Amino acid sequence: MYIEEVQSDLKSEVSREQELRTQYQTRIFQAATLDQHNNLMEKMEIDFESLVAQLPQKTQVPGLLDDIDEKGRVSGLEIVSVKLQPEIRGEFYITLPIEIIVIGDYHNMGVFVSGIAGMARIVTLHDFAITTGDSPADLKMTIKAQTYRSLSDGGS
């Protein structure tokens, strides 16, 4: 009976030794790559701060609406509506969603989307739908644009 207890204890200690060796190897790897990991984290933090610094302090809605209208006209589209949606407050920035409805041909819609994507301000495009318009030559596109601003200030 005593021998069985000792053998059981030995098995348990051998298993524990294997666990500790595995933990040791993991920690050696973590220690060896710690500087590299810290450098990567520092670079990511700098990049993030740089991106946040590029966000405007104000949404500047009138200028944005003018830019969207101009992109539509230059693209040869008829802008049916541009509807501002409620702002969404995030952890690092505020998002202003805008629903845009345009009518025109497929090529012109591509030019419009390209123009919006190439604007100086950060504007992302989401959730688009293209359907047939009133005439066979026209298509109707509904698309959600989003622009962003810093949390540090509000307003137009």
C-alpha atoms as a PDB file:
ATOM      1  CA  MET A   1       0.000   0.000   0.000  1.00  0.00           C
ATOM      2  CA  TYR A   2       2.814   2.409   0.842  1.00  0.00           C
ATOM      3  CA  ILE A   3       4.503   1.620  -2.501  1.00  0.00           C
ATOM      4  CA  GLU A   4       1.278   2.368  -4.389  1.00  0.00           C
ATOM      5  CA  GLU A   5       1.041   5.773  -2.698  1.00  0.00           C
ATOM      6  CA  VAL A   6       4.652   6.544  -3.553  1.00  0.00           C
ATOM      7  CA  GLN A   7       4.120   5.461  -7.193  1.00  0.00           C
ATOM      8  CA  SER A   8       0.982   7.588  -7.392  1.00  0.00           C
ATOM      9  CA  ASP A   9       2.857  10.569  -5.952  1.00  0.00           C
ATOM     10  CA  LEU A  10       5.705   9.962  -8.398  1.00  0.00           C
ATOM     11  CA  LYS A  11       3.316   9.924 -11.397  1.00  0.00           C
ATOM     12  CA  SER A  12       1.699  13.103 -10.177  1.00  0.00           C
ATOM     13  CA  GLU A  13       5.071  14.810  -9.711  1.00  0.00           C
ATOM     14  CA  VAL A  14       6.274  13.666 -13.164  1.00  0.00           C
ATOM     15  CA  SER A  15       3.102  15.128 -14.670  1.00  0.00           C
ATOM     16  CA  ARG A  16       3.630  18.355 -12.733  1.00  0.00           C
ATOM     17  CA  GLU A  17       7.240  18.481 -13.956  1.00  0.00           C
ATOM     18  CA  GLN A  18       6.035  18.260 -17.580  1.00  0.00           C
ATOM     19  CA  GLU A  19       3.568  21.102 -16.996  1.00  0.00           C
ATOM     20  CA  LEU A  20       6.276  23.247 -15.439  1.00  0.00           C
ATOM     21  CA  ARG A  21       8.670  22.515 -18.326  1.00  0.00           C
ATOM     22  CA  THR A  22       5.996  23.560 -20.827  1.00  0.00           C
ATOM     23  CA  GLN A  23       5.322  26.769 -18.882  1.00  0.00           C
ATOM     24  CA  TYR A  24       9.053  27.423 -18.670  1.00  0.00           C
ATOM     25  CA  GLN A  25       9.504  27.034 -22.450  1.00  0.00           C
ATOM     26  CA  THR A  26       6.554  29.340 -23.097  1.00  0.00           C
ATOM     27  CA  ARG A  27       7.958  31.984 -20.767  1.00  0.00           C
ATOM     28  CA  ILE A  28      11.438  31.702 -22.303  1.00  0.00           C
ATOM     29  CA  PHE A  29       9.892  32.392 -25.726  1.00  0.00           C
ATOM     30  CA  GLN A  30       7.895  35.318 -24.336  1.00  0.00           C
ATOM     31  CA  ALA A  31      10.991  36.769 -22.680  1.00  0.00           C
ATOM     32  CA  ALA A  32      13.029  36.361 -25.870  1.00  0.00           C
ATOM     33  CA  THR A  33      10.423  38.203 -27.954  1.00  0.00           C
ATOM     34  CA  LEU A  34       9.449  40.797 -25.346  1.00  0.00           C
ATOM     35  CA  ASP A  35      11.520  43.618 -26.870  1.00  0.00           C
ATOM     36  CA  GLN A  36      10.135  42.900 -30.335  1.00  0.00           C
ATOM     37  CA  HIS A  37       6.588  42.809 -28.947  1.00  0.00           C
ATOM     38  CA  ASN A  38       7.082  46.078 -27.035  1.00  0.00           C
ATOM     39  CA  ASN A  39       8.507  47.785 -30.143  1.00  0.00           C
ATOM     40  CA  LEU A  40       5.528  46.618 -32.193  1.00  0.00           C
ATOM     41  CA  MET A  41       3.074  47.870 -29.562  1.00  0.00           C
ATOM     42  CA  GLU A  42       4.849  51.239 -29.416  1.00  0.00           C
ATOM     43  CA  LYS A  43       4.719  51.574 -33.217  1.00  0.00           C
ATOM     44  CA  MET A  44       1.023  50.653 -33.276  1.00  0.00           C
ATOM     45  CA  GLU A  45       0.295  53.239 -30.587  1.00  0.00           C
ATOM     46  CA  ILE A  46       2.145  55.940 -32.553  1.00  0.00           C
ATOM     47  CA  ASP A  47       0.293  54.965 -35.744  1.00  0.00           C
ATOM     48  CA  PHE A  48      -3.046  55.058 -33.920  1.00  0.00           C
ATOM     49  CA  GLU A  49      -2.326  58.470 -32.394  1.00  0.00           C
ATOM     50  CA  SER A  50      -1.336  59.739 -35.832  1.00  0.00           C
ATOM     51  CA  LEU A  51      -4.612  58.533 -37.344  1.00  0.00           C
ATOM     52  CA  VAL A  52      -6.691  60.032 -34.537  1.00  0.00           C
ATOM     53  CA  ALA A  53      -4.808  63.334 -34.955  1.00  0.00           C
ATOM     54  CA  GLN A  54      -5.887  63.388 -38.622  1.00  0.00           C
ATOM     55  CA  LEU A  55      -9.558  63.400 -37.634  1.00  0.00           C
ATOM     56  CA  PRO A  56     -11.136  66.826 -37.869  1.00  0.00           C
ATOM     57  CA  GLN A  57     -12.214  68.544 -34.660  1.00  0.00           C
ATOM     58  CA  LYS A  58     -15.593  69.359 -36.216  1.00  0.00           C
ATOM     59  CA  THR A  59     -17.731  67.444 -38.681  1.00  0.00           C
ATOM     60  CA  GLN A  60     -18.053  70.471 -41.005  1.00  0.00           C
ATOM     61  CA  VAL A  61     -21.375  69.203 -42.361  1.00  0.00           C
ATOM     62  CA  PRO A  62     -22.098  72.038 -44.835  1.00  0.00           C
ATOM     63  CA  GLY A  63     -18.753  71.541 -46.590  1.00  0.00           C
ATOM     64  CA  LEU A  64     -19.237  67.779 -46.628  1.00  0.00           C
ATOM     65  CA  LEU A  65     -22.696  68.086 -48.185  1.00  0.00           C
ATOM     66  CA  ASP A  66     -21.327  70.484 -50.805  1.00  0.00           C
ATOM     67  CA  ASP A  67     -18.553  68.003 -51.629  1.00  0.00           C
ATOM     68  CA  ILE A  68     -21.027  65.112 -51.974  1.00  0.00           C
ATOM     69  CA  ASP A  69     -23.271  67.235 -54.210  1.00  0.00           C
ATOM     70  CA  GLU A  70     -20.308  68.242 -56.374  1.00  0.00           C
ATOM     71  CA  LYS A  71     -19.145  64.618 -56.738  1.00  0.00           C
ATOM     72  CA  GLY A  72     -22.661  63.672 -57.836  1.00  0.00           C
ATOM     73  CA  ARG A  73     -22.911  66.464 -60.403  1.00  0.00           C
ATOM     74  CA  VAL A  74     -19.407  65.852 -61.781  1.00  0.00           C
ATOM     75  CA  SER A  75     -20.238  62.148 -62.065  1.00  0.00           C
ATOM     76  CA  GLY A  76     -23.386  62.881 -64.063  1.00  0.00           C
ATOM     77  CA  LEU A  77     -25.769  61.554 -61.421  1.00  0.00           C
ATOM     78  CA  GLU A  78     -29.028  62.939 -60.116  1.00  0.00           C
ATOM     79  CA  ILE A  79     -28.865  63.182 -56.339  1.00  0.00           C
ATOM     80  CA  VAL A  80     -32.283  62.208 -55.002  1.00  0.00           C
ATOM     81  CA  SER A  81     -31.503  62.675 -51.326  1.00  0.00           C
ATOM     82  CA  VAL A  82     -28.751  63.071 -48.783  1.00  0.00           C
ATOM     83  CA  LYS A  83     -29.996  62.347 -45.254  1.00  0.00           C
ATOM     84  CA  LEU A  84     -27.886  62.898 -42.168  1.00  0.00           C
ATOM     85  CA  GLN A  85     -28.355  60.184 -39.564  1.00  0.00           C
ATOM     86  CA  PRO A  86     -27.772  60.577 -35.805  1.00  0.00           C
ATOM     87  CA  GLU A  87     -24.134  60.689 -34.739  1.00  0.00           C
ATOM     88  CA  ILE A  88     -22.675  57.561 -33.165  1.00  0.00           C
ATOM     89  CA  ARG A  89     -20.246  58.142 -30.316  1.00  0.00           C
ATOM     90  CA  GLY A  90     -17.436  55.595 -30.237  1.00  0.00           C
ATOM     91  CA  GLU A  91     -14.567  55.050 -27.848  1.00  0.00           C
ATOM     92  CA  PHE A  92     -12.085  57.102 -29.889  1.00  0.00           C
ATOM     93  CA  TYR A  93     -14.155  59.096 -32.406  1.00  0.00           C
ATOM     94  CA  ILE A  94     -17.650  60.124 -33.446  1.00  0.00           C
ATOM     95  CA  THR A  95     -19.207  58.700 -36.612  1.00  0.00           C
ATOM     96  CA  LEU A  96     -21.686  60.668 -38.730  1.00  0.00           C
ATOM     97  CA  PRO A  97     -23.652  58.308 -41.013  1.00  0.00           C
ATOM     98  CA  ILE A  98     -25.184  59.781 -44.171  1.00  0.00           C
ATOM     99  CA  GLU A  99     -27.683  57.996 -46.416  1.00  0.00           C
ATOM    100  CA  ILE A 100     -27.260  58.956 -50.074  1.00  0.00           C
ATOM    101  CA  ILE A 101     -29.630  58.066 -52.923  1.00  0.00           C
ATOM    102  CA  VAL A 102     -28.567  58.750 -56.513  1.00  0.00           C
ATOM    103  CA  ILE A 103     -29.923  57.905 -59.967  1.00  0.00           C
ATOM    104  CA  GLY A 104     -27.852  57.383 -63.084  1.00  0.00           C
ATOM    105  CA  ASP A 105     -26.007  54.762 -65.066  1.00  0.00           C
ATOM    106  CA  TYR A 106     -23.666  52.148 -63.661  1.00  0.00           C
ATOM    107  CA  HIS A 107     -20.459  53.762 -64.942  1.00  0.00           C
ATOM    108  CA  ASN A 108     -21.375  57.127 -63.415  1.00  0.00           C
ATOM    109  CA  MET A 109     -22.076  55.442 -60.081  1.00  0.00           C
ATOM    110  CA  GLY A 110     -18.570  54.008 -60.170  1.00  0.00           C
ATOM    111  CA  VAL A 111     -17.151  57.471 -60.854  1.00  0.00           C
ATOM    112  CA  PHE A 112     -19.212  58.868 -57.952  1.00  0.00           C
ATOM    113  CA  VAL A 113     -18.060  56.177 -55.500  1.00  0.00           C
ATOM    114  CA  SER A 114     -14.464  56.714 -56.587  1.00  0.00           C
ATOM    115  CA  GLY A 115     -14.850  60.471 -56.102  1.00  0.00           C
ATOM    116  CA  ILE A 116     -16.279  60.056 -52.601  1.00  0.00           C
ATOM    117  CA  ALA A 117     -13.528  57.612 -51.648  1.00  0.00           C
ATOM    118  CA  GLY A 118     -10.909  60.072 -52.894  1.00  0.00           C
ATOM    119  CA  MET A 119     -12.127  63.032 -50.854  1.00  0.00           C
ATOM    120  CA  ALA A 120      -9.651  64.832 -48.591  1.00  0.00           C
ATOM    121  CA  ARG A 121     -11.670  63.995 -45.480  1.00  0.00           C
ATOM    122  CA  ILE A 122     -12.047  60.429 -44.247  1.00  0.00           C
ATOM    123  CA  VAL A 123     -15.279  59.053 -45.719  1.00  0.00           C
ATOM    124  CA  THR A 124     -16.075  55.354 -45.855  1.00  0.00           C
ATOM    125  CA  LEU A 125     -18.875  53.781 -47.897  1.00  0.00           C
ATOM    126  CA  HIS A 126     -21.095  50.954 -46.637  1.00  0.00           C
ATOM    127  CA  ASP A 127     -24.291  48.986 -47.280  1.00  0.00           C
ATOM    128  CA  PHE A 128     -25.035  49.906 -50.879  1.00  0.00           C
ATOM    129  CA  ALA A 129     -27.947  48.626 -52.951  1.00  0.00           C
ATOM    130  CA  ILE A 130     -28.471  49.159 -56.683  1.00  0.00           C
ATOM    131  CA  THR A 131     -31.930  48.726 -58.184  1.00  0.00           C
ATOM    132  CA  THR A 132     -33.559  49.646 -61.478  1.00  0.00           C
ATOM    133  CA  GLY A 133     -34.719  53.223 -61.734  1.00  0.00           C
ATOM    134  CA  ASP A 134     -37.857  54.682 -63.305  1.00  0.00           C
ATOM    135  CA  SER A 135     -36.466  54.377 -66.823  1.00  0.00           C
ATOM    136  CA  PRO A 136     -34.683  51.283 -68.188  1.00  0.00           C
ATOM    137  CA  ALA A 137     -31.430  53.220 -68.676  1.00  0.00           C
ATOM    138  CA  ASP A 138     -31.294  54.459 -65.087  1.00  0.00           C
ATOM    139  CA  LEU A 139     -30.221  52.698 -61.936  1.00  0.00           C
ATOM    140  CA  LYS A 140     -30.949  53.821 -58.396  1.00  0.00           C
ATOM    141  CA  MET A 141     -28.227  53.437 -55.772  1.00  0.00           C
ATOM    142  CA  THR A 142     -28.719  53.779 -52.038  1.00  0.00           C
ATOM    143  CA  ILE A 143     -25.449  53.921 -50.122  1.00  0.00           C
ATOM    144  CA  LYS A 144     -24.410  54.805 -46.593  1.00  0.00           C
ATOM    145  CA  ALA A 145     -21.404  57.088 -46.231  1.00  0.00           C
ATOM    146  CA  GLN A 146     -19.722  57.639 -42.893  1.00  0.00           C
ATOM    147  CA  THR A 147     -17.420  60.448 -41.891  1.00  0.00           C
ATOM    148  CA  TYR A 148     -15.606  60.794 -38.621  1.00  0.00           C
ATOM    149  CA  ARG A 149     -14.482  63.454 -36.191  1.00  0.00           C
ATOM    150  CA  SER A 150     -12.475  63.665 -33.023  1.00  0.00           C
ATOM    151  CA  LEU A 151     -14.182  63.394 -29.651  1.00  0.00           C
ATOM    152  CA  SER A 152     -12.457  66.551 -28.430  1.00  0.00           C
ATOM    153  CA  ASP A 153     -14.954  69.010 -29.904  1.00  0.00           C
ATOM    154  CA  GLY A 154     -18.466  69.006 -31.268  1.00  0.00           C
ATOM    155  CA  GLY A 155     -20.490  70.979 -33.678  1.00  0.00           C
ATOM    156  CA  SER A 156     -20.930  71.823 -37.276  1.00  0.00           C
END
